[in-house]
Each structure stands twice: as C-alpha cells, then as structure tokens.
Amino acid sequence: MASVAAGGFGEEVSIRGLLQPPRFGILLPALLFASLHAFQYSWDGLISVFLAGGIVFAYIRQYTNTTTSAITHTVYDLVLFSMMLVGISI
C-alpha cells in the first residue's frame, strides 16, 4: 500500500509541481503523465489516465496547490487499489 501512495504523491510533485503552470501549461504535463502509464494500459486506458489523472489533477493543482493534488491523487490510488483487493473492478 505504501508504494501505491508514494507513486501518486511522487507523480504529482514531479509532474504538477515542476512542469505545470507557468512552465508548460496543462496539456503537455497531462500528456507526459499519460505516457508514464503507457506500459500499464491499452490505448483506451491511457485516454482515461489522460483525462482523469492528467487533466483533473492538473485543474486541482491549478486552482489549489501541489499538495492538494498530491493528496487527492494518493487517495484516488488507494481507493482503486483497495477496490481491486476486494474484487471490485470498474
């Protein structure tokens, strides 16, 4: 579980904290975020990662701060992982 939480936090700090506005806007970091997951998902999964993970977390970061997007991403990952553990798939 710790690695799941650390992954979301690390992605947010590196993608949102370093690359997002004012440096590269929202779209380029969102594409980079999706590309980091290219070996995990097929093309339709990458679209979901781009929209949910890339765009949604980017707007959370833009309108709040990096800490909030990191916490949100971590909780999101923990909920999905917990659902997988009990056999719930989306």
Protein backbone atom coordinates (compact mmCIF):
# COMPACT_ATOMS: atom_id res chain seq x y z
CA MET A 1 0.00 0.00 0.00
CA ALA A 2 2.86 2.38 0.75
CA SER A 3 4.19 2.11 -2.80
CA VAL A 4 0.73 2.90 -4.19
CA ALA A 5 0.56 6.03 -2.05
CA ALA A 6 4.13 7.05 -2.86
CA GLY A 7 3.54 6.65 -6.58
CA GLY A 8 0.67 9.13 -6.71
CA PHE A 9 2.46 11.60 -4.48
CA GLY A 10 5.69 11.38 -6.49
CA GLU A 11 3.89 11.78 -9.80
CA GLU A 12 2.10 14.89 -8.59
CA VAL A 13 5.23 16.51 -7.20
CA SER A 14 7.22 15.82 -10.36
CA ILE A 15 4.54 16.45 -13.00
CA ARG A 16 2.40 19.15 -11.35
CA GLY A 17 4.95 20.69 -9.04
CA LEU A 18 7.76 21.01 -11.57
CA LEU A 19 6.18 21.10 -15.01
CA GLN A 20 2.72 22.58 -14.73
CA PRO A 21 1.97 26.32 -14.95
CA PRO A 22 3.56 28.65 -15.51
CA ARG A 23 6.15 26.48 -17.27
CA PHE A 24 4.28 24.18 -19.65
CA GLY A 25 0.57 24.72 -19.04
CA ILE A 26 -1.85 21.84 -18.52
CA LEU A 27 -1.85 19.87 -21.77
CA LEU A 28 1.85 18.96 -22.08
CA PRO A 29 2.24 17.71 -18.48
CA ALA A 30 -1.05 15.76 -18.87
CA LEU A 31 0.33 14.05 -21.97
CA LEU A 32 3.56 13.27 -20.15
CA PHE A 33 1.56 11.90 -17.22
CA ALA A 34 -0.39 9.58 -19.54
CA SER A 35 2.81 8.48 -21.31
CA LEU A 36 4.29 7.39 -17.96
CA HIS A 37 1.46 4.85 -17.79
CA ALA A 38 1.85 3.57 -21.37
CA PHE A 39 3.19 0.17 -20.32
CA GLN A 40 0.36 -0.37 -17.83
CA TYR A 41 -2.70 0.28 -20.01
CA SER A 42 -4.01 -0.14 -23.53
CA TRP A 43 -4.95 2.94 -25.59
CA ASP A 44 -8.44 3.22 -24.05
CA GLY A 45 -6.96 3.03 -20.56
CA LEU A 46 -4.47 5.74 -21.49
CA ILE A 47 -7.33 8.01 -22.51
CA SER A 48 -8.82 7.53 -19.04
CA VAL A 49 -5.45 8.21 -17.42
CA PHE A 50 -5.04 11.33 -19.55
CA LEU A 51 -8.49 12.66 -18.65
CA ALA A 52 -8.81 11.56 -15.03
CA GLY A 53 -5.21 11.69 -13.95
CA GLY A 54 -3.79 14.22 -16.33
CA ILE A 55 -6.49 16.82 -16.74
CA VAL A 56 -8.49 16.53 -13.50
CA PHE A 57 -5.46 16.53 -11.21
CA ALA A 58 -3.99 19.38 -13.26
CA TYR A 59 -7.06 21.53 -12.62
CA ILE A 60 -6.99 20.60 -8.94
CA ARG A 61 -3.35 21.77 -8.88
CA GLN A 62 -4.13 24.94 -10.83
CA TYR A 63 -6.96 26.06 -8.57
CA THR A 64 -5.46 24.92 -5.25
CA ASN A 65 -1.84 23.77 -4.91
CA THR A 66 0.51 20.84 -5.49
CA THR A 67 -0.08 19.41 -2.02
CA THR A 68 -3.82 19.17 -2.61
CA SER A 69 -3.37 17.46 -5.99
CA ALA A 70 -0.84 15.04 -4.44
CA ILE A 71 -3.17 14.13 -1.58
CA THR A 72 -6.12 13.75 -3.98
CA HIS A 73 -4.08 11.51 -6.29
CA THR A 74 -2.84 9.41 -3.39
CA VAL A 75 -6.36 8.88 -2.03
CA TYR A 76 -7.61 8.07 -5.55
CA ASP A 77 -4.89 5.43 -5.99
CA LEU A 78 -5.52 3.94 -2.54
CA VAL A 79 -9.27 3.65 -3.19
CA LEU A 80 -8.73 1.99 -6.58
CA PHE A 81 -6.14 -0.39 -5.15
CA SER A 82 -8.42 -1.28 -2.22
CA MET A 83 -11.27 -1.97 -4.63
CA MET A 84 -9.01 -4.29 -6.63
CA LEU A 85 -8.04 -6.15 -3.44
CA VAL A 86 -11.68 -6.94 -2.63
CA GLY A 87 -12.50 -7.89 -6.21
CA ILE A 88 -14.37 -4.80 -7.39
CA SER A 89 -13.48 -3.70 -10.91
CA ILE A 90 -14.62 -0.62 -12.73
